[in-house]
N, C-alpha and C. Protein backbone atom coordinates (compact mmCIF):
# COMPACT_ATOMS: atom_id res chain seq x y z
N MET A 1 -5.13 -10.75 2.92
CA MET A 1 -5.08 -9.54 3.70
C MET A 1 -5.70 -8.40 2.89
N ILE A 2 -6.44 -7.53 3.57
CA ILE A 2 -7.10 -6.41 2.92
C ILE A 2 -6.10 -5.28 2.69
N CYS A 3 -6.05 -4.77 1.47
CA CYS A 3 -5.19 -3.65 1.13
C CYS A 3 -5.78 -2.37 1.72
N VAL A 4 -4.94 -1.55 2.35
CA VAL A 4 -5.42 -0.32 2.96
C VAL A 4 -5.76 0.74 1.92
N ARG A 5 -5.38 0.54 0.67
CA ARG A 5 -5.63 1.53 -0.38
C ARG A 5 -6.82 1.18 -1.25
N CYS A 6 -6.90 -0.06 -1.75
CA CYS A 6 -7.99 -0.42 -2.65
C CYS A 6 -9.06 -1.28 -1.98
N LEU A 7 -8.82 -1.66 -0.73
CA LEU A 7 -9.79 -2.41 0.08
C LEU A 7 -10.14 -3.78 -0.48
N ARG A 8 -9.25 -4.38 -1.23
CA ARG A 8 -9.46 -5.72 -1.74
C ARG A 8 -8.56 -6.70 -1.00
N ASP A 9 -8.93 -7.95 -1.01
CA ASP A 9 -8.15 -8.99 -0.34
C ASP A 9 -7.04 -9.48 -1.27
N THR A 10 -6.15 -8.55 -1.63
CA THR A 10 -5.08 -8.86 -2.58
C THR A 10 -3.70 -8.45 -2.06
N ALA A 11 -3.58 -8.23 -0.76
CA ALA A 11 -2.29 -7.80 -0.18
C ALA A 11 -1.71 -8.92 0.67
N GLY A 12 -0.42 -8.82 0.85
CA GLY A 12 0.26 -9.80 1.69
C GLY A 12 1.61 -9.28 2.13
N LYS A 13 2.18 -9.94 3.10
CA LYS A 13 3.49 -9.55 3.61
C LYS A 13 4.56 -9.97 2.62
N VAL A 14 5.49 -9.04 2.34
CA VAL A 14 6.57 -9.34 1.40
C VAL A 14 7.96 -9.23 2.03
N ALA A 15 8.07 -8.62 3.21
CA ALA A 15 9.39 -8.47 3.84
C ALA A 15 9.25 -8.24 5.34
N ASP A 16 10.32 -8.60 6.05
CA ASP A 16 10.45 -8.33 7.48
C ASP A 16 11.67 -7.46 7.69
N ALA A 17 11.76 -6.83 8.85
CA ALA A 17 12.96 -6.06 9.20
C ALA A 17 14.17 -6.97 9.04
N PRO A 18 15.20 -6.53 8.31
CA PRO A 18 16.33 -7.41 8.02
C PRO A 18 17.16 -7.81 9.24
N ASP A 19 17.04 -7.07 10.32
CA ASP A 19 17.84 -7.42 11.51
C ASP A 19 17.15 -8.46 12.38
N GLY A 20 15.97 -8.92 11.94
CA GLY A 20 15.25 -9.95 12.69
C GLY A 20 14.57 -9.45 13.94
N SER A 21 14.51 -8.15 14.12
CA SER A 21 13.92 -7.57 15.34
C SER A 21 12.40 -7.60 15.34
N GLY A 22 11.80 -7.75 14.16
CA GLY A 22 10.35 -7.69 14.08
C GLY A 22 9.82 -6.27 14.20
N ALA A 23 10.71 -5.28 14.05
CA ALA A 23 10.33 -3.88 14.20
C ALA A 23 9.32 -3.44 13.16
N TRP A 24 9.35 -4.03 11.98
CA TRP A 24 8.40 -3.69 10.94
C TRP A 24 8.29 -4.83 9.93
N GLU A 25 7.19 -4.78 9.19
CA GLU A 25 6.95 -5.69 8.07
C GLU A 25 6.52 -4.82 6.90
N VAL A 26 6.73 -5.29 5.69
CA VAL A 26 6.28 -4.59 4.50
C VAL A 26 5.19 -5.42 3.85
N TYR A 27 4.11 -4.74 3.47
CA TYR A 27 2.99 -5.38 2.80
C TYR A 27 2.87 -4.80 1.39
N TYR A 28 2.34 -5.60 0.48
CA TYR A 28 2.22 -5.19 -0.91
C TYR A 28 0.89 -5.70 -1.47
N CYS A 29 0.22 -4.84 -2.23
CA CYS A 29 -1.04 -5.22 -2.87
C CYS A 29 -0.80 -5.52 -4.34
N GLU A 30 -1.19 -6.71 -4.76
CA GLU A 30 -1.00 -7.12 -6.14
C GLU A 30 -1.97 -6.42 -7.09
N ARG A 31 -3.07 -5.91 -6.59
CA ARG A 31 -4.06 -5.25 -7.44
C ARG A 31 -3.68 -3.82 -7.76
N CYS A 32 -3.35 -3.03 -6.74
CA CYS A 32 -3.10 -1.60 -6.98
C CYS A 32 -1.62 -1.22 -6.83
N ASN A 33 -0.76 -2.20 -6.59
CA ASN A 33 0.69 -1.98 -6.48
C ASN A 33 1.08 -1.07 -5.33
N TYR A 34 0.27 -1.00 -4.31
CA TYR A 34 0.58 -0.16 -3.15
C TYR A 34 1.37 -0.99 -2.14
N SER A 35 2.34 -0.35 -1.50
CA SER A 35 3.07 -1.03 -0.44
C SER A 35 3.17 -0.11 0.77
N TRP A 36 3.23 -0.72 1.95
CA TRP A 36 3.32 0.05 3.18
C TRP A 36 3.99 -0.77 4.26
N ARG A 37 4.59 -0.08 5.23
CA ARG A 37 5.23 -0.72 6.37
C ARG A 37 4.26 -0.77 7.54
N SER A 38 4.40 -1.77 8.36
CA SER A 38 3.55 -1.88 9.55
C SER A 38 3.85 -0.77 10.54
N SER A 39 4.99 -0.14 10.43
CA SER A 39 5.38 0.91 11.36
C SER A 39 4.94 2.31 10.93
N GLU A 40 4.20 2.41 9.82
CA GLU A 40 3.70 3.71 9.37
C GLU A 40 2.67 4.25 10.37
N GLU A 41 2.39 5.55 10.27
CA GLU A 41 1.38 6.16 11.13
C GLU A 41 0.01 5.53 10.86
N GLU A 42 -0.90 5.65 11.82
CA GLU A 42 -2.23 5.06 11.67
C GLU A 42 -2.99 5.67 10.49
N GLU A 43 -2.65 6.89 10.08
CA GLU A 43 -3.31 7.50 8.92
C GLU A 43 -2.98 6.74 7.63
N ILE A 44 -1.99 5.89 7.69
CA ILE A 44 -1.61 5.05 6.55
C ILE A 44 -2.11 3.63 6.73
N THR A 45 -1.95 3.08 7.93
CA THR A 45 -2.20 1.65 8.15
C THR A 45 -3.61 1.29 8.60
N VAL A 46 -4.38 2.25 9.07
CA VAL A 46 -5.74 1.98 9.55
C VAL A 46 -6.73 2.55 8.54
N ILE A 47 -7.47 1.67 7.89
CA ILE A 47 -8.36 2.06 6.81
C ILE A 47 -9.32 3.18 7.23
N GLU A 48 -9.88 3.08 8.41
CA GLU A 48 -10.86 4.07 8.87
C GLU A 48 -10.24 5.45 9.10
N LYS A 49 -8.94 5.52 9.27
CA LYS A 49 -8.28 6.80 9.52
C LYS A 49 -7.62 7.39 8.27
N ARG A 50 -7.64 6.66 7.17
CA ARG A 50 -7.02 7.16 5.93
C ARG A 50 -7.87 8.25 5.29
N ASP A 51 -7.22 9.19 4.66
CA ASP A 51 -7.91 10.25 3.92
C ASP A 51 -8.59 9.62 2.71
N PRO A 52 -9.90 9.76 2.57
CA PRO A 52 -10.63 9.14 1.46
C PRO A 52 -10.11 9.56 0.09
N GLU A 53 -9.47 10.69 0.01
CA GLU A 53 -8.93 11.16 -1.27
C GLU A 53 -7.87 10.21 -1.83
N PHE A 54 -7.21 9.48 -0.94
CA PHE A 54 -6.14 8.59 -1.37
C PHE A 54 -6.59 7.14 -1.52
N GLN A 55 -7.87 6.88 -1.39
CA GLN A 55 -8.39 5.52 -1.54
C GLN A 55 -8.69 5.24 -3.01
N LEU A 56 -8.56 3.97 -3.39
CA LEU A 56 -8.88 3.55 -4.75
C LEU A 56 -10.00 2.52 -4.75
N ASP A 57 -10.80 2.47 -3.70
CA ASP A 57 -11.81 1.43 -3.59
C ASP A 57 -12.92 1.56 -4.63
N LYS A 58 -13.18 2.75 -5.13
CA LYS A 58 -14.24 2.93 -6.12
C LYS A 58 -13.67 3.20 -7.52
N THR A 59 -12.39 2.94 -7.69
CA THR A 59 -11.72 3.21 -8.95
C THR A 59 -11.51 1.90 -9.72
N ALA A 60 -11.81 1.95 -11.01
CA ALA A 60 -11.55 0.78 -11.86
C ALA A 60 -10.07 0.82 -12.22
N ILE A 61 -9.26 0.22 -11.37
CA ILE A 61 -7.80 0.28 -11.52
C ILE A 61 -7.37 -0.26 -12.88
N GLU A 62 -8.04 -1.28 -13.35
CA GLU A 62 -7.67 -1.88 -14.63
C GLU A 62 -7.78 -0.88 -15.78
N SER A 63 -8.60 0.15 -15.63
CA SER A 63 -8.79 1.12 -16.71
C SER A 63 -7.79 2.28 -16.65
N LEU A 64 -7.02 2.36 -15.59
CA LEU A 64 -6.03 3.41 -15.48
C LEU A 64 -4.84 3.10 -16.39
N LEU A 65 -4.32 4.11 -17.04
CA LEU A 65 -3.18 3.90 -17.93
C LEU A 65 -1.91 3.57 -17.16
N ASN A 66 -1.68 4.28 -16.06
CA ASN A 66 -0.48 4.07 -15.26
C ASN A 66 -0.87 4.26 -13.80
N PRO A 67 -1.35 3.20 -13.13
CA PRO A 67 -1.87 3.36 -11.78
C PRO A 67 -0.84 3.80 -10.75
N VAL A 68 0.43 3.52 -10.98
CA VAL A 68 1.47 3.92 -10.03
C VAL A 68 2.61 4.55 -10.84
N PRO A 69 2.52 5.86 -11.10
CA PRO A 69 3.57 6.48 -11.90
C PRO A 69 4.90 6.48 -11.15
N VAL A 70 5.96 6.30 -11.89
CA VAL A 70 7.29 6.31 -11.33
C VAL A 70 7.88 7.72 -11.56
N PRO A 71 8.27 8.40 -10.49
CA PRO A 71 8.81 9.74 -10.68
C PRO A 71 10.17 9.70 -11.37
N PRO A 72 10.54 10.80 -12.02
CA PRO A 72 11.85 10.81 -12.68
C PRO A 72 12.98 10.75 -11.66
N ILE A 73 14.10 10.22 -12.08
CA ILE A 73 15.27 10.12 -11.21
C ILE A 73 15.83 11.51 -10.93
N ARG A 74 16.08 11.79 -9.68
CA ARG A 74 16.67 13.08 -9.32
C ARG A 74 18.18 13.01 -9.49
N LYS A 75 18.74 14.06 -10.03
CA LYS A 75 20.20 14.09 -10.24
C LYS A 75 20.83 15.14 -9.36
């Protein structure tokens, strides 16, 4: 499956709605560590509608020090 963020064929489904309703699925990209739900707005799930500023298709992800920073825990 093509990742909506890095445009590589490195994404796949990792979860379904726990109630079995099929309301949403979660996808995850092994290359850029991006995940998204199938129920997100089209600006997230449709590559052609995504803001190019948030794409990583021309970025050498391997050269990034921390491609997906983890924010500090809020207290």
